[in-house]
Amino acid sequence: MARKTPSVETLRGFKDLRNDIAHEYKTDDLAELFSDVLQATPELLALARSIFDYGKALIEE
């Protein structure tokens, strides 16, 4: 089953969220950061699964 590719805006949002976590840009409101992480998690996991499946298919060719 084909999966929908995330938009560029979504991928940039993931990058920005990663930067917020890694560089502690949002230490003033950790509850909001945690909420953002929880909200992004399902789509990030789906993207990771899609990348894994793609790589596996290439190896099996």
Protein backbone atom coordinates (compact mmCIF):
# COMPACT_ATOMS: atom_id res chain seq x y z
CA MET A 1 0.00 0.00 0.00
CA ALA A 2 1.41 3.37 -1.01
CA ARG A 3 1.78 6.02 1.64
CA LYS A 4 1.29 9.73 1.23
CA THR A 5 4.57 11.64 1.07
CA PRO A 6 4.73 14.47 3.63
CA SER A 7 4.80 17.98 2.26
CA VAL A 8 7.92 20.11 2.33
CA GLU A 9 6.25 22.25 4.99
CA THR A 10 5.66 19.19 7.16
CA LEU A 11 9.26 18.03 6.78
CA ARG A 12 10.52 21.51 7.66
CA GLY A 13 8.26 21.44 10.71
CA PHE A 14 9.90 18.18 11.79
CA LYS A 15 13.32 19.80 11.33
CA ASP A 16 12.28 22.81 13.37
CA LEU A 17 10.89 20.59 16.12
CA ARG A 18 14.15 18.64 16.19
CA ASN A 19 16.08 21.88 16.51
CA ASP A 20 13.82 23.04 19.35
CA ILE A 21 14.58 19.80 21.19
CA ALA A 22 18.29 19.54 20.43
CA HIS A 23 19.19 23.18 20.99
CA GLU A 24 16.76 23.80 23.85
CA TYR A 25 15.16 26.79 22.14
CA LYS A 26 11.87 26.24 23.98
CA THR A 27 12.95 25.59 27.56
CA ASP A 28 10.51 28.22 28.81
CA ASP A 29 7.50 26.05 27.89
CA LEU A 30 8.36 22.37 28.03
CA ALA A 31 4.69 21.36 28.22
CA GLU A 32 4.08 22.95 24.81
CA LEU A 33 7.21 21.31 23.38
CA PHE A 34 6.11 17.93 24.72
CA SER A 35 2.67 18.44 23.19
CA ASP A 36 4.26 19.31 19.83
CA VAL A 37 6.37 16.15 20.01
CA LEU A 38 3.35 13.99 20.83
CA GLN A 39 1.40 15.53 17.96
CA ALA A 40 4.21 14.90 15.44
CA THR A 41 5.03 11.35 16.60
CA PRO A 42 2.46 9.35 14.57
CA GLU A 43 3.43 11.02 11.30
CA LEU A 44 7.15 10.72 12.07
CA LEU A 45 6.77 7.01 12.81
CA ALA A 46 4.81 6.52 9.58
CA LEU A 47 7.53 8.34 7.66
CA ALA A 48 10.25 6.24 9.28
CA ARG A 49 8.34 3.05 8.39
CA SER A 50 7.94 4.24 4.81
CA ILE A 51 11.67 4.97 4.50
CA PHE A 52 12.51 1.57 6.01
CA ASP A 53 10.15 -0.23 3.62
CA TYR A 54 11.59 1.65 0.64
CA GLY A 55 15.15 0.72 1.61
CA LYS A 56 14.20 -2.89 2.20
CA ALA A 57 12.53 -3.08 -1.22
CA LEU A 58 15.67 -1.70 -2.88
CA ILE A 59 17.85 -4.27 -1.14
CA GLU A 60 15.55 -7.12 -2.14
CA GLU A 61 15.56 -6.21 -5.84
